[in-house]
Structures are given as C-alpha cells and as structure tokens.
Amino acid sequence: MEIVQLSRGMKQDVIEQIKRYFAAERDEAISDFQAENLLNFILATIGPAIYNQAIEDAYTVMNEKTEELFGLQKRSR
C-alpha cells in the first residue's frame, strides 16, 4: 500500500503541530526537516492501519444505512 498522502497545506500544519508537541512535551526544538521525517515515518507505519480502520468504519455505517432501507418498504394489505 502506498503511503497516505496529505495536501501541502495539511502537511505543513501537521509539521507545525509536531514541532509544538516536541517543544511543549519534551522541551525540545526540532527542525521542519526532523518533524517531516517523523511525519513520513508515522504515515508509512501506522497510516495504513488508520486508513483501513476508517474503511471498516465507513463500511459498517453504510451497511447499517442500507439495512434501514428495508424499514421503508411498504407492506401490502
């Protein structure tokens, strides 16, 4: 599976969030390059699992909605 892709703007936002996290939680300043490498690692390693779970969740919701269609059937008298 290919790596999860983010838009340029979203990627930059996440990089800034990673940098803020390191500053706040670890009292460590990291560069854009380091934050981007961490982001790429996360996307490559856990991105597919998150994506697959999202697909399963969407399938469950769609399946439930499809089942609800049977409740809309008209009954013959």
Protein backbone atom coordinates (compact mmCIF):
# COMPACT_ATOMS: atom_id res chain seq x y z
CA MET A 1 0.00 0.00 0.00
CA GLU A 2 1.35 3.44 -0.81
CA ILE A 3 1.96 5.99 1.90
CA VAL A 4 -1.01 8.12 2.93
CA GLN A 5 -0.76 11.45 1.12
CA LEU A 6 -1.55 14.82 2.69
CA SER A 7 -2.11 18.09 0.88
CA ARG A 8 0.77 20.54 1.08
CA GLY A 9 -1.15 22.79 3.47
CA MET A 10 -2.24 19.94 5.73
CA LYS A 11 1.28 18.51 5.78
CA GLN A 12 2.73 21.87 6.83
CA ASP A 13 0.06 22.22 9.55
CA VAL A 14 0.91 18.77 10.92
CA ILE A 15 4.64 19.54 10.84
CA GLU A 16 3.98 22.66 12.91
CA GLN A 17 1.87 20.62 15.36
CA ILE A 18 4.67 18.07 15.73
CA LYS A 19 7.16 20.85 16.42
CA ARG A 20 4.82 22.39 19.04
CA TYR A 21 4.36 18.97 20.65
CA PHE A 22 8.10 18.42 20.97
CA ALA A 23 8.55 21.92 22.40
CA ALA A 24 5.71 21.56 24.94
CA GLU A 25 6.02 17.91 25.95
CA ARG A 26 9.72 17.22 25.54
CA ASP A 27 11.18 20.71 25.89
CA GLU A 28 12.99 20.05 22.62
CA ALA A 29 13.16 22.18 19.50
CA ILE A 30 13.15 20.21 16.26
CA SER A 31 13.53 21.43 12.70
CA ASP A 32 10.97 21.24 9.90
CA PHE A 33 13.14 18.50 8.38
CA GLN A 34 13.05 16.41 11.57
CA ALA A 35 9.31 16.92 12.00
CA GLU A 36 8.67 15.98 8.38
CA ASN A 37 10.77 12.83 8.72
CA LEU A 38 8.78 11.85 11.80
CA LEU A 39 5.53 12.55 9.97
CA ASN A 40 6.63 10.43 7.00
CA PHE A 41 7.57 7.59 9.35
CA ILE A 42 4.18 7.79 11.09
CA LEU A 43 2.30 7.88 7.79
CA ALA A 44 4.24 4.91 6.44
CA THR A 45 3.96 2.76 9.56
CA ILE A 46 0.57 3.47 11.11
CA GLY A 47 -1.13 5.36 8.28
CA PRO A 48 -2.32 2.17 6.54
CA ALA A 49 -3.81 0.79 9.78
CA ILE A 50 -5.71 4.03 10.40
CA TYR A 51 -6.86 4.13 6.77
CA ASN A 52 -8.05 0.51 6.91
CA GLN A 53 -9.95 1.17 10.14
CA ALA A 54 -11.62 4.18 8.53
CA ILE A 55 -12.69 1.98 5.60
CA GLU A 56 -14.11 -0.63 8.01
CA ASP A 57 -15.96 2.08 9.95
CA ALA A 58 -17.40 3.54 6.74
CA TYR A 59 -18.45 0.06 5.61
CA THR A 60 -20.23 -0.55 8.92
CA VAL A 61 -22.12 2.75 8.72
CA MET A 62 -23.06 2.20 5.07
CA ASN A 63 -24.20 -1.35 5.83
CA GLU A 64 -26.39 -0.13 8.70
CA LYS A 65 -27.92 2.56 6.48
CA THR A 66 -28.55 0.01 3.74
CA GLU A 67 -30.32 -2.25 6.24
CA GLU A 68 -32.52 0.70 7.27
CA LEU A 69 -33.84 0.82 3.70
CA PHE A 70 -35.80 -2.37 4.37
CA GLY A 71 -37.71 -0.47 7.05
CA LEU A 72 -39.01 1.88 4.37
CA GLN A 73 -40.74 -0.87 2.40
CA LYS A 74 -44.50 -0.57 2.00
CA ARG A 75 -46.48 -3.53 3.21
CA SER A 76 -49.33 -5.00 1.15
CA ARG A 77 -52.75 -5.16 2.79
